[in-house]
C-alpha atoms as a PDB file:
ATOM      1  CA  UNK A   1       0.000   0.000   0.000  1.00  0.00           C
ATOM      2  CA  UNK A   2       1.445   3.342  -1.110  1.00  0.00           C
ATOM      3  CA  UNK A   3       0.010   6.536   0.389  1.00  0.00           C
ATOM      4  CA  UNK A   4       0.508  10.047  -0.939  1.00  0.00           C
ATOM      5  CA  UNK A   5       0.010  12.668   1.787  1.00  0.00           C
ATOM      6  CA  UNK A   6      -0.742  16.327   0.984  1.00  0.00           C
ATOM      7  CA  UNK A   7      -0.571  19.165   3.533  1.00  0.00           C
ATOM      8  CA  UNK A   8      -1.446  22.789   2.729  1.00  0.00           C
ATOM      9  CA  UNK A   9      -3.650  24.097   5.551  1.00  0.00           C
ATOM     10  CA  UNK A  10      -1.152  26.669   6.864  1.00  0.00           C
ATOM     11  CA  UNK A  11       1.435  29.016   5.377  1.00  0.00           C
ATOM     12  CA  UNK A  12       3.545  25.917   4.696  1.00  0.00           C
ATOM     13  CA  UNK A  13       2.814  23.420   1.940  1.00  0.00           C
ATOM     14  CA  UNK A  14       4.200  19.903   1.751  1.00  0.00           C
ATOM     15  CA  UNK A  15       3.711  16.330   0.693  1.00  0.00           C
ATOM     16  CA  UNK A  16       5.068  12.907   1.566  1.00  0.00           C
ATOM     17  CA  UNK A  17       4.866   9.373   0.272  1.00  0.00           C
ATOM     18  CA  UNK A  18       5.121   6.063   2.093  1.00  0.00           C
ATOM     19  CA  UNK A  19       3.401   2.924   3.297  1.00  0.00           C
ATOM     20  CA  UNK A  20       4.102  -0.104   5.448  1.00  0.00           C
ATOM     21  CA  UNK A  21       7.842   0.640   5.243  1.00  0.00           C
ATOM     22  CA  UNK A  22       7.272   4.092   6.719  1.00  0.00           C
ATOM     23  CA  UNK A  23       7.773   7.471   5.077  1.00  0.00           C
ATOM     24  CA  UNK A  24       9.880   7.082   1.936  1.00  0.00           C
ATOM     25  CA  UNK A  25      10.209  10.778   1.019  1.00  0.00           C
ATOM     26  CA  UNK A  26       8.803  14.133   2.114  1.00  0.00           C
ATOM     27  CA  UNK A  27       9.241  17.824   1.392  1.00  0.00           C
ATOM     28  CA  UNK A  28       7.892  21.172   2.653  1.00  0.00           C
ATOM     29  CA  UNK A  29       8.223  24.795   1.652  1.00  0.00           C
ATOM     30  CA  UNK A  30       6.984  28.221   2.696  1.00  0.00           C
ATOM     31  CA  UNK A  31       7.039  30.751  -0.116  1.00  0.00           C
ATOM     32  CA  UNK A  32       4.475  33.471   0.483  1.00  0.00           C
ATOM     33  CA  UNK A  33       1.440  31.195   0.337  1.00  0.00           C
ATOM     34  CA  UNK A  34       2.221  30.119  -3.238  1.00  0.00           C
ATOM     35  CA  UNK A  35       0.624  26.754  -2.591  1.00  0.00           C
ATOM     36  CA  UNK A  36      -0.829  26.251  -6.066  1.00  0.00           C
ATOM     37  CA  UNK A  37       2.597  26.804  -7.675  1.00  0.00           C
ATOM     38  CA  UNK A  38       4.539  24.643  -5.239  1.00  0.00           C
ATOM     39  CA  UNK A  39       2.358  21.609  -4.664  1.00  0.00           C
ATOM     40  CA  UNK A  40       2.500  19.806  -8.038  1.00  0.00           C
ATOM     41  CA  UNK A  41       6.324  20.044  -8.328  1.00  0.00           C
ATOM     42  CA  UNK A  42       6.588  18.759  -4.758  1.00  0.00           C
ATOM     43  CA  UNK A  43       4.422  15.746  -5.550  1.00  0.00           C
ATOM     44  CA  UNK A  44       6.621  14.940  -8.553  1.00  0.00           C
ATOM     45  CA  UNK A  45       9.748  15.401  -6.404  1.00  0.00           C
ATOM     46  CA  UNK A  46       8.718  12.997  -3.633  1.00  0.00           C
ATOM     47  CA  UNK A  47       7.606  10.393  -6.166  1.00  0.00           C
ATOM     48  CA  UNK A  48      10.973  10.589  -7.883  1.00  0.00           C
ATOM     49  CA  UNK A  49      12.847  10.422  -4.581  1.00  0.00           C
ATOM     50  CA  UNK A  50      10.816   7.388  -3.498  1.00  0.00           C
ATOM     51  CA  UNK A  51      10.910   5.866  -7.005  1.00  0.00           C
ATOM     52  CA  UNK A  52       7.144   5.526  -7.025  1.00  0.00           C
ATOM     53  CA  UNK A  53       5.058   5.938 -10.181  1.00  0.00           C
ATOM     54  CA  UNK A  54       1.584   7.448 -10.148  1.00  0.00           C
ATOM     55  CA  UNK A  55      -0.107   4.114 -10.839  1.00  0.00           C
ATOM     56  CA  UNK A  56       1.512   2.626  -7.710  1.00  0.00           C
ATOM     57  CA  UNK A  57      -0.297   5.082  -5.413  1.00  0.00           C
ATOM     58  CA  UNK A  58      -3.228   3.337  -3.730  1.00  0.00           C
ATOM     59  CA  UNK A  59      -4.475   6.016  -1.288  1.00  0.00           C
ATOM     60  CA  UNK A  60      -4.515   9.827  -1.289  1.00  0.00           C
ATOM     61  CA  UNK A  61      -4.433  11.356   2.202  1.00  0.00           C
ATOM     62  CA  UNK A  62      -4.924  15.077   2.756  1.00  0.00           C
ATOM     63  CA  UNK A  63      -5.033  17.646   5.546  1.00  0.00           C
ATOM     64  CA  UNK A  64      -8.691  18.722   5.751  1.00  0.00           C
ATOM     65  CA  UNK A  65      -8.123  21.613   8.162  1.00  0.00           C
ATOM     66  CA  UNK A  66      -8.935  23.723   9.953  1.00  0.00           C
ATOM     67  CA  UNK A  67      -6.569  26.177   8.352  1.00  0.00           C
ATOM     68  CA  UNK A  68      -6.167  29.117   6.005  1.00  0.00           C
ATOM     69  CA  UNK A  69      -8.881  29.015   3.371  1.00  0.00           C
ATOM     70  CA  UNK A  70      -6.880  29.426   0.158  1.00  0.00           C
ATOM     71  CA  UNK A  71      -4.119  26.980   1.023  1.00  0.00           C
ATOM     72  CA  UNK A  72      -6.549  24.420   2.381  1.00  0.00           C
ATOM     73  CA  UNK A  73      -8.674  24.652  -0.768  1.00  0.00           C
ATOM     74  CA  UNK A  74      -5.617  24.115  -3.008  1.00  0.00           C
ATOM     75  CA  UNK A  75      -4.540  20.973  -1.162  1.00  0.00           C
ATOM     76  CA  UNK A  76      -7.988  19.426  -0.942  1.00  0.00           C
ATOM     77  CA  UNK A  77      -8.815  20.193  -4.585  1.00  0.00           C
ATOM     78  CA  UNK A  78      -5.509  18.694  -5.746  1.00  0.00           C
ATOM     79  CA  UNK A  79      -6.025  15.576  -3.629  1.00  0.00           C
ATOM     80  CA  UNK A  80      -9.587  15.049  -4.866  1.00  0.00           C
ATOM     81  CA  UNK A  81      -8.540  15.533  -8.489  1.00  0.00           C
ATOM     82  CA  UNK A  82      -5.734  12.980  -8.131  1.00  0.00           C
ATOM     83  CA  UNK A  83      -7.969  10.471  -6.365  1.00  0.00           C
ATOM     84  CA  UNK A  84     -10.557  10.731  -9.151  1.00  0.00           C
ATOM     85  CA  UNK A  85      -7.879  10.422 -11.817  1.00  0.00           C
ATOM     86  CA  UNK A  86      -6.212   7.409 -10.224  1.00  0.00           C
ATOM     87  CA  UNK A  87      -9.443   5.789  -9.074  1.00  0.00           C
ATOM     88  CA  UNK A  88      -8.240   5.415  -5.490  1.00  0.00           C
ATOM     89  CA  UNK A  89      -9.870   6.134  -2.101  1.00  0.00           C
ATOM     90  CA  UNK A  90      -9.057   9.019   0.199  1.00  0.00           C
ATOM     91  CA  UNK A  91      -8.361   9.633   3.875  1.00  0.00           C
ATOM     92  CA  UNK A  92      -8.827  13.027   5.517  1.00  0.00           C
ATOM     93  CA  UNK A  93      -6.693  14.029   8.511  1.00  0.00           C
ATOM     94  CA  UNK A  94      -7.255  17.118  10.668  1.00  0.00           C
ATOM     95  CA  UNK A  95      -4.427  19.659  10.806  1.00  0.00           C
ATOM     96  CA  UNK A  96      -4.827  19.688  14.599  1.00  0.00           C
ATOM     97  CA  UNK A  97      -4.320  15.915  14.730  1.00  0.00           C
ATOM     98  CA  UNK A  98      -1.161  16.394  12.684  1.00  0.00           C
ATOM     99  CA  UNK A  99       0.234  18.908  15.159  1.00  0.00           C
ATOM    100  CA  UNK A 100      -0.628  16.761  18.185  1.00  0.00           C
ATOM    101  CA  UNK A 101       0.797  13.510  16.817  1.00  0.00           C
ATOM    102  CA  UNK A 102       4.542  14.358  16.929  1.00  0.00           C
ATOM    103  CA  UNK A 103       4.248  15.345  20.628  1.00  0.00           C
ATOM    104  CA  UNK A 104       2.137  12.307  21.541  1.00  0.00           C
ATOM    105  CA  UNK A 105       4.581  11.241  24.257  1.00  0.00           C
ATOM    106  CA  UNK A 106       3.880  14.375  26.305  1.00  0.00           C
ATOM    107  CA  UNK A 107       1.923  13.627  29.486  1.00  0.00           C
ATOM    108  CA  UNK A 108       0.491  17.161  29.663  1.00  0.00           C
ATOM    109  CA  UNK A 109      -2.658  18.383  27.960  1.00  0.00           C
ATOM    110  CA  UNK A 110      -1.700  18.925  24.307  1.00  0.00           C
ATOM    111  CA  UNK A 111      -3.173  22.031  22.668  1.00  0.00           C
ATOM    112  CA  UNK A 112      -2.455  22.491  18.954  1.00  0.00           C
ATOM    113  CA  UNK A 113      -2.955  26.140  17.989  1.00  0.00           C
ATOM    114  CA  UNK A 114      -2.959  27.265  14.350  1.00  0.00           C
ATOM    115  CA  UNK A 115      -2.780  30.953  13.465  1.00  0.00           C
ATOM    116  CA  UNK A 116      -6.190  31.698  11.947  1.00  0.00           C
ATOM    117  CA  UNK A 117      -5.410  35.381  11.314  1.00  0.00           C
ATOM    118  CA  UNK A 118      -7.869  38.115  12.425  1.00  0.00           C
ATOM    119  CA  UNK A 119      -6.542  37.742  15.986  1.00  0.00           C
ATOM    120  CA  UNK A 120      -7.832  34.166  16.310  1.00  0.00           C
ATOM    121  CA  UNK A 121      -6.491  30.617  16.480  1.00  0.00           C
ATOM    122  CA  UNK A 122      -7.857  27.226  15.488  1.00  0.00           C
ATOM    123  CA  UNK A 123      -7.419  24.830  18.396  1.00  0.00           C
ATOM    124  CA  UNK A 124      -8.485  21.628  20.189  1.00  0.00           C
ATOM    125  CA  UNK A 125      -7.381  19.654  23.256  1.00  0.00           C
ATOM    126  CA  UNK A 126      -5.662  16.259  23.189  1.00  0.00           C
ATOM    127  CA  UNK A 127      -4.370  13.809  25.757  1.00  0.00           C
ATOM    128  CA  UNK A 128      -1.871  11.006  25.648  1.00  0.00           C
ATOM    129  CA  UNK A 129      -3.267   7.487  25.221  1.00  0.00           C
ATOM    130  CA  UNK A 130      -1.486   4.174  24.587  1.00  0.00           C
ATOM    131  CA  UNK A 131      -0.095   4.314  21.076  1.00  0.00           C
ATOM    132  CA  UNK A 132      -0.880   7.941  20.341  1.00  0.00           C
ATOM    133  CA  UNK A 133      -3.143  10.849  21.262  1.00  0.00           C
ATOM    134  CA  UNK A 134      -6.884  11.310  21.617  1.00  0.00           C
ATOM    135  CA  UNK A 135      -8.819  14.458  20.848  1.00  0.00           C
ATOM    136  CA  UNK A 136     -10.972  15.414  23.855  1.00  0.00           C
ATOM    137  CA  UNK A 137     -12.557  18.610  22.543  1.00  0.00           C
ATOM    138  CA  UNK A 138     -14.034  19.681  19.238  1.00  0.00           C
ATOM    139  CA  UNK A 139     -11.936  21.828  16.876  1.00  0.00           C
ATOM    140  CA  UNK A 140     -12.785  25.478  17.487  1.00  0.00           C
ATOM    141  CA  UNK A 141     -11.805  28.993  16.533  1.00  0.00           C
ATOM    142  CA  UNK A 142     -11.233  31.406  19.423  1.00  0.00           C
ATOM    143  CA  UNK A 143      -9.110  34.344  20.481  1.00  0.00           C
ATOM    144  CA  UNK A 144      -5.808  33.484  22.181  1.00  0.00           C
ATOM    145  CA  UNK A 145      -7.076  35.319  25.283  1.00  0.00           C
ATOM    146  CA  UNK A 146     -10.075  32.980  25.489  1.00  0.00           C
ATOM    147  CA  UNK A 147      -7.864  29.903  25.173  1.00  0.00           C
ATOM    148  CA  UNK A 148      -5.499  31.253  27.840  1.00  0.00           C
ATOM    149  CA  UNK A 149      -8.437  31.996  30.159  1.00  0.00           C
ATOM    150  CA  UNK A 150      -9.753  28.455  29.729  1.00  0.00           C
ATOM    151  CA  UNK A 151      -6.359  26.937  30.557  1.00  0.00           C
ATOM    152  CA  UNK A 152      -6.084  29.203  33.591  1.00  0.00           C
ATOM    153  CA  UNK A 153      -9.596  28.369  34.800  1.00  0.00           C
ATOM    154  CA  UNK A 154      -9.000  24.621  34.642  1.00  0.00           C
ATOM    155  CA  UNK A 155      -5.440  24.787  35.960  1.00  0.00           C
ATOM    156  CA  UNK A 156      -4.197  22.444  33.277  1.00  0.00           C
ATOM    157  CA  UNK A 157      -0.535  21.807  32.659  1.00  0.00           C
ATOM    158  CA  UNK A 158      -0.351  22.068  28.895  1.00  0.00           C
ATOM    159  CA  UNK A 159       1.912  21.914  25.884  1.00  0.00           C
ATOM    160  CA  UNK A 160       0.999  24.386  23.145  1.00  0.00           C
ATOM    161  CA  UNK A 161       2.132  23.493  19.637  1.00  0.00           C
ATOM    162  CA  UNK A 162       1.707  25.320  16.339  1.00  0.00           C
ATOM    163  CA  UNK A 163       2.297  28.663  14.681  1.00  0.00           C
ATOM    164  CA  UNK A 164      -0.610  30.155  16.643  1.00  0.00           C
ATOM    165  CA  UNK A 165       1.167  29.331  19.902  1.00  0.00           C
ATOM    166  CA  UNK A 166       4.285  31.054  18.581  1.00  0.00           C
ATOM    167  CA  UNK A 167       2.535  34.157  17.264  1.00  0.00           C
ATOM    168  CA  UNK A 168       0.678  34.739  20.534  1.00  0.00           C
ATOM    169  CA  UNK A 169       3.395  33.440  22.853  1.00  0.00           C
ATOM    170  CA  UNK A 170       3.262  36.548  25.059  1.00  0.00           C
ATOM    171  CA  UNK A 171      -0.359  35.752  25.982  1.00  0.00           C
ATOM    172  CA  UNK A 172       0.523  32.225  27.155  1.00  0.00           C
ATOM    173  CA  UNK A 173       3.971  32.982  28.579  1.00  0.00           C
ATOM    174  CA  UNK A 174       2.846  33.729  32.140  1.00  0.00           C
ATOM    175  CA  UNK A 175       0.478  30.776  32.538  1.00  0.00           C
ATOM    176  CA  UNK A 176       1.784  28.388  35.171  1.00  0.00           C
ATOM    177  CA  UNK A 177       2.471  24.895  33.864  1.00  0.00           C
ATOM    178  CA  UNK A 178       1.969  25.932  30.226  1.00  0.00           C
ATOM    179  CA  UNK A 179       4.865  25.662  27.785  1.00  0.00           C
ATOM    180  CA  UNK A 180       5.332  25.926  24.039  1.00  0.00           C
ATOM    181  CA  UNK A 181       6.731  23.205  21.795  1.00  0.00           C
ATOM    182  CA  UNK A 182       9.811  23.763  19.666  1.00  0.00           C
ATOM    183  CA  UNK A 183       9.371  26.098  16.657  1.00  0.00           C
ATOM    184  CA  UNK A 184      10.376  23.176  14.432  1.00  0.00           C
ATOM    185  CA  UNK A 185       6.960  21.669  15.227  1.00  0.00           C
ATOM    186  CA  UNK A 186       5.026  24.808  14.310  1.00  0.00           C
ATOM    187  CA  UNK A 187       3.420  23.372  11.170  1.00  0.00           C
ATOM    188  CA  UNK A 188       1.512  20.177  10.350  1.00  0.00           C
ATOM    189  CA  UNK A 189       3.780  17.536   8.859  1.00  0.00           C
ATOM    190  CA  UNK A 190       3.083  15.712   5.616  1.00  0.00           C
ATOM    191  CA  UNK A 191       5.092  12.795   7.008  1.00  0.00           C
ATOM    192  CA  UNK A 192       2.612  12.592   9.886  1.00  0.00           C
ATOM    193  CA  UNK A 193      -0.231  12.446   7.354  1.00  0.00           C
ATOM    194  CA  UNK A 194       1.279   9.312   5.844  1.00  0.00           C
ATOM    195  CA  UNK A 195       1.814   7.736   9.265  1.00  0.00           C
ATOM    196  CA  UNK A 196      -1.701   8.478  10.545  1.00  0.00           C
ATOM    197  CA  UNK A 197      -3.316   7.593   7.226  1.00  0.00           C
ATOM    198  CA  UNK A 198      -1.542   4.238   7.128  1.00  0.00           C
ATOM    199  CA  UNK A 199      -3.144   3.248  10.435  1.00  0.00           C
ATOM    200  CA  UNK A 200      -6.563   4.339   9.127  1.00  0.00           C
ATOM    201  CA  UNK A 201      -6.004   2.490   5.864  1.00  0.00           C
ATOM    202  CA  UNK A 202      -5.326  -0.751   7.730  1.00  0.00           C
ATOM    203  CA  UNK A 203      -8.743  -0.271   9.364  1.00  0.00           C
ATOM    204  CA  UNK A 204     -10.205   0.559   5.921  1.00  0.00           C
ATOM    205  CA  UNK A 205     -11.374   3.989   7.092  1.00  0.00           C
ATOM    206  CA  UNK A 206     -11.595   5.358   3.562  1.00  0.00           C
ATOM    207  CA  UNK A 207     -13.843   7.967   1.981  1.00  0.00           C
ATOM    208  CA  UNK A 208     -14.569   8.513  -1.676  1.00  0.00           C
ATOM    209  CA  UNK A 209     -13.501  11.784  -3.331  1.00  0.00           C
ATOM    210  CA  UNK A 210     -17.146  12.898  -3.376  1.00  0.00           C
ATOM    211  CA  UNK A 211     -17.435  12.448   0.395  1.00  0.00           C
ATOM    212  CA  UNK A 212     -14.340  14.344   1.506  1.00  0.00           C
ATOM    213  CA  UNK A 213     -15.184  17.670   3.152  1.00  0.00           C
ATOM    214  CA  UNK A 214     -12.757  20.357   4.361  1.00  0.00           C
ATOM    215  CA  UNK A 215     -13.095  21.694   7.916  1.00  0.00           C
ATOM    216  CA  UNK A 216     -13.161  25.475   7.479  1.00  0.00           C
ATOM    217  CA  UNK A 217     -14.773  26.465  10.853  1.00  0.00           C
ATOM    218  CA  UNK A 218     -15.429  29.996   9.563  1.00  0.00           C
ATOM    219  CA  UNK A 219     -16.053  31.919   6.357  1.00  0.00           C
ATOM    220  CA  UNK A 220     -13.171  32.922   4.059  1.00  0.00           C
ATOM    221  CA  UNK A 221     -11.622  36.322   4.809  1.00  0.00           C
ATOM    222  CA  UNK A 222     -12.962  37.951   1.637  1.00  0.00           C
ATOM    223  CA  UNK A 223     -16.544  36.839   2.349  1.00  0.00           C
ATOM    224  CA  UNK A 224     -16.325  37.898   5.988  1.00  0.00           C
ATOM    225  CA  UNK A 225     -14.986  41.351   5.062  1.00  0.00           C
ATOM    226  CA  UNK A 226     -17.819  41.843   2.581  1.00  0.00           C
ATOM    227  CA  UNK A 227     -20.310  40.741   5.223  1.00  0.00           C
ATOM    228  CA  UNK A 228     -18.920  43.292   7.691  1.00  0.00           C
ATOM    229  CA  UNK A 229     -19.168  46.038   5.072  1.00  0.00           C
ATOM    230  CA  UNK A 230     -22.838  45.250   4.505  1.00  0.00           C
ATOM    231  CA  UNK A 231     -23.503  45.383   8.248  1.00  0.00           C
ATOM    232  CA  UNK A 232     -21.889  48.830   8.425  1.00  0.00           C
ATOM    233  CA  UNK A 233     -23.942  50.083   5.491  1.00  0.00           C
END
């Protein structure tokens, strides 16, 4: 089983390829949100590095968000198009799951936080379980102050991970028992998509391209700005 993983929900875009042998190749880049320009060459690059042809790919896995609207749309649209073209099933993985997975050995509450712009973050809570992590709250969009207040109210020791945690680090810095993960873990990993998707594939947790739905959590910036203008008028 060969899985192609696509990640584009944040300012970084990446892809990876692998299967039962693990991740065979992966790549990421951040070039001014030029996701549409970068993604196809990256897919070709990882295939060449792994020596995998298109017809050997048996599953397309993709980050379904939450995340930045334009990047997320590019990744999901590319993944769906490839799955249709190759006639293979799909697996959707949340960007918050992808941030939590690499720090799964942490015994503290794990809080992935993605910069959602507009002074907000996408977030959810996770806890360590045998073999991985478990999400214990629904993905949400909130202000960093609200997230900090919730952590303070519950007195949780927590590990914050993601570019949202870095951008708003001054808000979380004085919370007792709360720390931030390394900046190297600030973005969802395409390699983690392949790893998490492989486990789902073994359980046959597939969806068809027509069933895959992105997790936006809020309206795109352009639509929201237009909505605010109408309210003012």
